[in-house]
Amino acid sequence: MKMNTTFKHLDHSDSLVEYTEQRMEEIGQFLLREGYGSVYFSKTKNEFCVEISVNTREKYFKASSFSVDAYAAVDACVDKLEKQFLKTSKMYKDHKKPELSKEGRLNQMLRLRKAA
């Protein structure tokens, strides 16, 4: 997954960028298609804010979190995105047309017999 990082009121940190990319690669397997994302790091007074948005062909995902530790904020964002990815992939994988399943065909045949 291609990631674009932005820092506001914070010095650029290669280790933070690498950590974020590593965590996003771990959950990227749940996406059905490849996407691109943007990560926005900012700091207000004593809290770090991390906002991650991922855009794919199917859907747009966004998560944000605040924490005293930047790495904890990244972990919280990634956990939120993982839940969204799992929910979406489950929806796409488990969705079937009822008339194509075995039960759906049986129900359709029973309806036709009752109608006749």
N, C-alpha and C. Protein backbone atom coordinates (compact mmCIF):
# COMPACT_ATOMS: atom_id res chain seq x y z
N MET A 1 0.83 -1.16 0.00
CA MET A 1 0.00 0.00 0.00
C MET A 1 0.89 1.24 0.00
N LYS A 2 0.55 2.17 -0.85
CA LYS A 2 1.32 3.42 -0.92
C LYS A 2 0.80 4.36 0.16
N MET A 3 1.76 4.94 0.89
CA MET A 3 1.39 5.83 1.99
C MET A 3 2.05 7.20 1.80
N ASN A 4 1.29 8.23 2.06
CA ASN A 4 1.78 9.60 2.04
C ASN A 4 1.71 10.13 3.46
N THR A 5 2.82 10.63 4.00
CA THR A 5 2.83 11.10 5.39
C THR A 5 3.00 12.61 5.44
N THR A 6 2.32 13.22 6.41
CA THR A 6 2.39 14.65 6.62
C THR A 6 2.57 14.92 8.11
N PHE A 7 3.47 15.83 8.44
CA PHE A 7 3.72 16.21 9.83
C PHE A 7 3.37 17.67 10.03
N LYS A 8 2.66 17.97 11.12
CA LYS A 8 2.32 19.35 11.44
C LYS A 8 2.67 19.59 12.90
N HIS A 9 3.43 20.64 13.16
CA HIS A 9 3.90 20.98 14.50
C HIS A 9 4.72 19.84 15.13
N LEU A 10 5.45 19.13 14.27
CA LEU A 10 6.19 17.96 14.73
C LEU A 10 7.32 17.72 13.75
N ASP A 11 8.49 17.34 14.25
CA ASP A 11 9.62 17.05 13.37
C ASP A 11 9.41 15.71 12.67
N HIS A 12 9.91 15.61 11.45
CA HIS A 12 9.78 14.38 10.68
C HIS A 12 10.58 13.27 11.36
N SER A 13 9.95 12.14 11.57
CA SER A 13 10.60 11.01 12.23
C SER A 13 10.52 9.78 11.32
N ASP A 14 11.70 9.32 10.85
CA ASP A 14 11.73 8.15 9.98
C ASP A 14 11.26 6.89 10.70
N SER A 15 11.60 6.77 11.98
CA SER A 15 11.18 5.57 12.72
C SER A 15 9.67 5.52 12.88
N LEU A 16 9.03 6.66 13.08
CA LEU A 16 7.58 6.70 13.19
C LEU A 16 6.91 6.35 11.85
N VAL A 17 7.48 6.84 10.76
CA VAL A 17 6.95 6.52 9.43
C VAL A 17 7.11 5.03 9.14
N GLU A 18 8.27 4.47 9.44
CA GLU A 18 8.49 3.04 9.21
C GLU A 18 7.57 2.19 10.05
N TYR A 19 7.37 2.59 11.31
CA TYR A 19 6.47 1.84 12.19
C TYR A 19 5.04 1.86 11.66
N THR A 20 4.60 3.01 11.20
CA THR A 20 3.25 3.13 10.66
C THR A 20 3.09 2.29 9.40
N GLU A 21 4.08 2.33 8.51
CA GLU A 21 4.01 1.54 7.28
C GLU A 21 4.01 0.05 7.60
N GLN A 22 4.80 -0.36 8.58
CA GLN A 22 4.85 -1.77 8.97
C GLN A 22 3.50 -2.23 9.51
N ARG A 23 2.89 -1.42 10.38
CA ARG A 23 1.59 -1.78 10.94
C ARG A 23 0.49 -1.79 9.87
N MET A 24 0.57 -0.87 8.91
CA MET A 24 -0.43 -0.84 7.85
C MET A 24 -0.27 -2.02 6.90
N GLU A 25 0.96 -2.48 6.68
CA GLU A 25 1.17 -3.66 5.84
C GLU A 25 0.58 -4.91 6.49
N GLU A 26 0.61 -4.96 7.82
CA GLU A 26 0.05 -6.11 8.52
C GLU A 26 -1.45 -6.22 8.30
N ILE A 27 -2.16 -5.09 8.33
CA ILE A 27 -3.61 -5.16 8.15
C ILE A 27 -4.03 -4.97 6.69
N GLY A 28 -3.08 -4.64 5.83
CA GLY A 28 -3.39 -4.46 4.41
C GLY A 28 -3.86 -5.72 3.74
N GLN A 29 -3.58 -6.87 4.34
CA GLN A 29 -4.00 -8.14 3.76
C GLN A 29 -5.52 -8.30 3.78
N PHE A 30 -6.21 -7.55 4.63
CA PHE A 30 -7.66 -7.66 4.72
C PHE A 30 -8.37 -6.90 3.61
N LEU A 31 -7.64 -6.01 2.94
CA LEU A 31 -8.24 -5.28 1.83
C LEU A 31 -8.39 -6.20 0.63
N LEU A 32 -9.47 -6.05 -0.08
CA LEU A 32 -9.70 -6.88 -1.26
C LEU A 32 -8.87 -6.42 -2.44
N ARG A 33 -8.65 -5.12 -2.53
CA ARG A 33 -7.83 -4.57 -3.60
C ARG A 33 -6.84 -3.59 -3.01
N GLU A 34 -5.82 -3.31 -3.77
CA GLU A 34 -4.77 -2.39 -3.32
C GLU A 34 -5.33 -0.97 -3.25
N GLY A 35 -4.88 -0.23 -2.29
CA GLY A 35 -5.33 1.13 -2.12
C GLY A 35 -4.16 2.04 -1.79
N TYR A 36 -4.45 3.30 -1.63
CA TYR A 36 -3.42 4.24 -1.21
C TYR A 36 -3.93 4.99 0.00
N GLY A 37 -3.00 5.40 0.84
CA GLY A 37 -3.40 6.03 2.08
C GLY A 37 -2.60 7.28 2.38
N SER A 38 -3.12 8.05 3.30
CA SER A 38 -2.41 9.22 3.78
C SER A 38 -2.44 9.21 5.30
N VAL A 39 -1.31 9.58 5.88
CA VAL A 39 -1.16 9.62 7.33
C VAL A 39 -0.82 11.05 7.72
N TYR A 40 -1.53 11.56 8.70
CA TYR A 40 -1.36 12.94 9.14
C TYR A 40 -1.00 12.92 10.62
N PHE A 41 0.22 13.32 10.93
CA PHE A 41 0.69 13.40 12.32
C PHE A 41 0.67 14.86 12.75
N SER A 42 0.12 15.13 13.92
CA SER A 42 0.16 16.49 14.46
C SER A 42 0.28 16.42 15.97
N LYS A 43 0.64 17.54 16.54
CA LYS A 43 0.79 17.62 17.99
C LYS A 43 0.12 18.88 18.49
N THR A 44 -0.72 18.72 19.51
CA THR A 44 -1.35 19.86 20.16
C THR A 44 -1.02 19.79 21.65
N LYS A 45 -0.38 20.78 22.14
CA LYS A 45 0.07 20.88 23.53
C LYS A 45 0.82 19.62 23.96
N ASN A 46 0.14 18.67 24.58
CA ASN A 46 0.86 17.48 25.05
C ASN A 46 0.30 16.19 24.46
N GLU A 47 -0.52 16.27 23.42
CA GLU A 47 -1.10 15.07 22.81
C GLU A 47 -0.71 14.98 21.34
N PHE A 48 -0.49 13.76 20.91
CA PHE A 48 -0.25 13.49 19.49
C PHE A 48 -1.57 13.09 18.85
N CYS A 49 -1.79 13.58 17.66
CA CYS A 49 -2.98 13.23 16.89
C CYS A 49 -2.52 12.52 15.62
N VAL A 50 -3.08 11.35 15.36
CA VAL A 50 -2.77 10.59 14.16
C VAL A 50 -4.07 10.34 13.41
N GLU A 51 -4.09 10.74 12.15
CA GLU A 51 -5.25 10.50 11.29
C GLU A 51 -4.78 9.71 10.08
N ILE A 52 -5.41 8.58 9.86
CA ILE A 52 -5.06 7.72 8.72
C ILE A 52 -6.30 7.57 7.85
N SER A 53 -6.15 7.81 6.56
CA SER A 53 -7.24 7.59 5.63
C SER A 53 -6.73 6.70 4.49
N VAL A 54 -7.56 5.73 4.12
CA VAL A 54 -7.21 4.78 3.07
C VAL A 54 -8.32 4.81 2.04
N ASN A 55 -7.94 4.94 0.78
CA ASN A 55 -8.90 5.00 -0.31
C ASN A 55 -8.69 3.79 -1.21
N THR A 56 -9.73 3.00 -1.41
CA THR A 56 -9.68 1.86 -2.33
C THR A 56 -10.81 2.02 -3.34
N ARG A 57 -10.91 1.07 -4.24
CA ARG A 57 -11.99 1.13 -5.22
C ARG A 57 -13.35 0.91 -4.57
N GLU A 58 -13.37 0.05 -3.54
CA GLU A 58 -14.65 -0.26 -2.91
C GLU A 58 -15.14 0.83 -1.97
N LYS A 59 -14.22 1.35 -1.15
CA LYS A 59 -14.67 2.19 -0.06
C LYS A 59 -13.57 3.13 0.40
N TYR A 60 -13.96 4.11 1.21
CA TYR A 60 -13.05 5.07 1.81
C TYR A 60 -13.05 4.82 3.31
N PHE A 61 -11.86 4.61 3.88
CA PHE A 61 -11.72 4.32 5.30
C PHE A 61 -10.98 5.47 5.98
N LYS A 62 -11.40 5.80 7.21
CA LYS A 62 -10.73 6.87 7.94
C LYS A 62 -10.77 6.56 9.42
N ALA A 63 -9.65 6.83 10.10
CA ALA A 63 -9.57 6.65 11.55
C ALA A 63 -8.65 7.72 12.12
N SER A 64 -8.96 8.14 13.33
CA SER A 64 -8.10 9.11 14.01
C SER A 64 -8.07 8.79 15.49
N SER A 65 -6.96 9.14 16.13
CA SER A 65 -6.86 8.92 17.57
C SER A 65 -5.90 9.93 18.18
N PHE A 66 -6.07 10.14 19.47
CA PHE A 66 -5.24 11.05 20.25
C PHE A 66 -4.60 10.26 21.37
N SER A 67 -3.33 10.54 21.65
CA SER A 67 -2.64 9.88 22.74
C SER A 67 -1.42 10.69 23.14
N VAL A 68 -0.92 10.42 24.33
CA VAL A 68 0.29 11.08 24.80
C VAL A 68 1.51 10.54 24.07
N ASP A 69 1.45 9.27 23.67
CA ASP A 69 2.54 8.62 22.93
C ASP A 69 2.14 8.49 21.47
N ALA A 70 3.03 8.87 20.56
CA ALA A 70 2.72 8.81 19.13
C ALA A 70 2.52 7.38 18.65
N TYR A 71 3.31 6.46 19.16
CA TYR A 71 3.20 5.06 18.74
C TYR A 71 1.89 4.44 19.23
N ALA A 72 1.44 4.83 20.41
CA ALA A 72 0.15 4.35 20.91
C ALA A 72 -0.99 4.89 20.06
N ALA A 73 -0.87 6.12 19.60
CA ALA A 73 -1.89 6.70 18.74
C ALA A 73 -1.94 5.98 17.40
N VAL A 74 -0.77 5.60 16.88
CA VAL A 74 -0.72 4.84 15.63
C VAL A 74 -1.38 3.48 15.82
N ASP A 75 -1.08 2.82 16.95
CA ASP A 75 -1.69 1.52 17.22
C ASP A 75 -3.21 1.61 17.31
N ALA A 76 -3.71 2.64 17.97
CA ALA A 76 -5.15 2.82 18.09
C ALA A 76 -5.81 3.04 16.73
N CYS A 77 -5.17 3.85 15.89
CA CYS A 77 -5.70 4.10 14.54
C CYS A 77 -5.72 2.82 13.71
N VAL A 78 -4.63 2.07 13.80
CA VAL A 78 -4.54 0.83 13.02
C VAL A 78 -5.59 -0.18 13.49
N ASP A 79 -5.84 -0.24 14.79
CA ASP A 79 -6.87 -1.13 15.30
C ASP A 79 -8.26 -0.74 14.78
N LYS A 80 -8.53 0.56 14.73
CA LYS A 80 -9.81 1.02 14.21
C LYS A 80 -9.96 0.67 12.73
N LEU A 81 -8.88 0.88 11.97
CA LEU A 81 -8.92 0.56 10.54
C LEU A 81 -9.07 -0.95 10.32
N GLU A 82 -8.42 -1.74 11.16
CA GLU A 82 -8.52 -3.19 11.02
C GLU A 82 -9.97 -3.65 11.19
N LYS A 83 -10.67 -3.08 12.14
CA LYS A 83 -12.08 -3.42 12.33
C LYS A 83 -12.90 -3.05 11.09
N GLN A 84 -12.61 -1.88 10.53
CA GLN A 84 -13.33 -1.45 9.33
C GLN A 84 -13.03 -2.37 8.15
N PHE A 85 -11.74 -2.74 7.98
CA PHE A 85 -11.36 -3.62 6.88
C PHE A 85 -12.03 -4.98 7.02
N LEU A 86 -12.02 -5.54 8.22
CA LEU A 86 -12.62 -6.85 8.44
C LEU A 86 -14.12 -6.83 8.17
N LYS A 87 -14.78 -5.78 8.62
CA LYS A 87 -16.22 -5.67 8.41
C LYS A 87 -16.55 -5.59 6.92
N THR A 88 -15.78 -4.80 6.20
CA THR A 88 -16.03 -4.64 4.76
C THR A 88 -15.70 -5.91 3.99
N SER A 89 -14.56 -6.55 4.32
CA SER A 89 -14.20 -7.77 3.60
C SER A 89 -15.20 -8.88 3.90
N LYS A 90 -15.70 -8.96 5.12
CA LYS A 90 -16.71 -9.96 5.45
C LYS A 90 -17.99 -9.72 4.67
N MET A 91 -18.36 -8.44 4.55
CA MET A 91 -19.56 -8.08 3.82
C MET A 91 -19.44 -8.48 2.34
N TYR A 92 -18.28 -8.23 1.74
CA TYR A 92 -18.10 -8.55 0.32
C TYR A 92 -17.95 -10.05 0.09
N LYS A 93 -17.29 -10.76 1.01
CA LYS A 93 -17.07 -12.19 0.82
C LYS A 93 -18.31 -13.02 1.11
N ASP A 94 -19.09 -12.64 2.12
CA ASP A 94 -20.25 -13.43 2.52
C ASP A 94 -21.51 -13.08 1.74
N HIS A 95 -21.47 -12.01 0.99
CA HIS A 95 -22.64 -11.60 0.24
C HIS A 95 -22.85 -12.53 -0.96
N LYS A 96 -24.01 -13.11 -1.03
CA LYS A 96 -24.34 -13.97 -2.16
C LYS A 96 -25.74 -13.61 -2.64
N LYS A 97 -25.97 -13.89 -3.89
CA LYS A 97 -27.32 -13.74 -4.41
C LYS A 97 -28.11 -14.95 -3.93
N PRO A 98 -29.24 -14.75 -3.29
CA PRO A 98 -29.95 -15.88 -2.70
C PRO A 98 -30.41 -16.91 -3.73
N GLU A 99 -30.68 -16.47 -4.95
CA GLU A 99 -31.15 -17.43 -5.95
C GLU A 99 -30.03 -18.35 -6.45
N LEU A 100 -28.78 -17.99 -6.19
CA LEU A 100 -27.67 -18.84 -6.61
C LEU A 100 -27.28 -19.87 -5.55
N SER A 101 -27.72 -19.71 -4.32
CA SER A 101 -27.39 -20.68 -3.29
C SER A 101 -28.37 -21.84 -3.33
N LYS A 102 -28.00 -22.93 -2.72
CA LYS A 102 -28.83 -24.13 -2.72
C LYS A 102 -30.16 -23.88 -2.01
N GLU A 103 -30.11 -23.23 -0.86
CA GLU A 103 -31.33 -22.94 -0.11
C GLU A 103 -32.24 -21.99 -0.88
N GLY A 104 -31.64 -21.04 -1.55
CA GLY A 104 -32.43 -20.09 -2.32
C GLY A 104 -33.17 -20.75 -3.47
N ARG A 105 -32.51 -21.70 -4.14
CA ARG A 105 -33.18 -22.42 -5.23
C ARG A 105 -34.32 -23.29 -4.70
N LEU A 106 -34.11 -23.94 -3.54
CA LEU A 106 -35.18 -24.75 -2.94
C LEU A 106 -36.37 -23.88 -2.55
N ASN A 107 -36.10 -22.73 -1.95
CA ASN A 107 -37.19 -21.82 -1.59
C ASN A 107 -37.94 -21.33 -2.82
N GLN A 108 -37.21 -21.06 -3.88
CA GLN A 108 -37.83 -20.59 -5.11
C GLN A 108 -38.70 -21.69 -5.73
N MET A 109 -38.23 -22.94 -5.69
CA MET A 109 -39.02 -24.06 -6.22
C MET A 109 -40.27 -24.27 -5.38
N LEU A 110 -40.16 -24.15 -4.06
CA LEU A 110 -41.34 -24.29 -3.19
C LEU A 110 -42.36 -23.21 -3.44
N ARG A 111 -41.90 -21.98 -3.68
CA ARG A 111 -42.81 -20.89 -4.00
C ARG A 111 -43.55 -21.15 -5.31
N LEU A 112 -42.81 -21.68 -6.30
CA LEU A 112 -43.46 -21.97 -7.60
C LEU A 112 -44.48 -23.08 -7.46
N ARG A 113 -44.19 -24.08 -6.64
CA ARG A 113 -45.15 -25.19 -6.44
C ARG A 113 -46.38 -24.71 -5.72
N LYS A 114 -46.22 -23.81 -4.74
CA LYS A 114 -47.38 -23.29 -4.00
C LYS A 114 -48.23 -22.41 -4.92
N ALA A 115 -47.59 -21.69 -5.80
CA ALA A 115 -48.31 -20.79 -6.71
C ALA A 115 -49.09 -21.57 -7.76
N ALA A 116 -48.60 -22.77 -8.11
CA ALA A 116 -49.26 -23.54 -9.18
C ALA A 116 -50.43 -24.34 -8.71
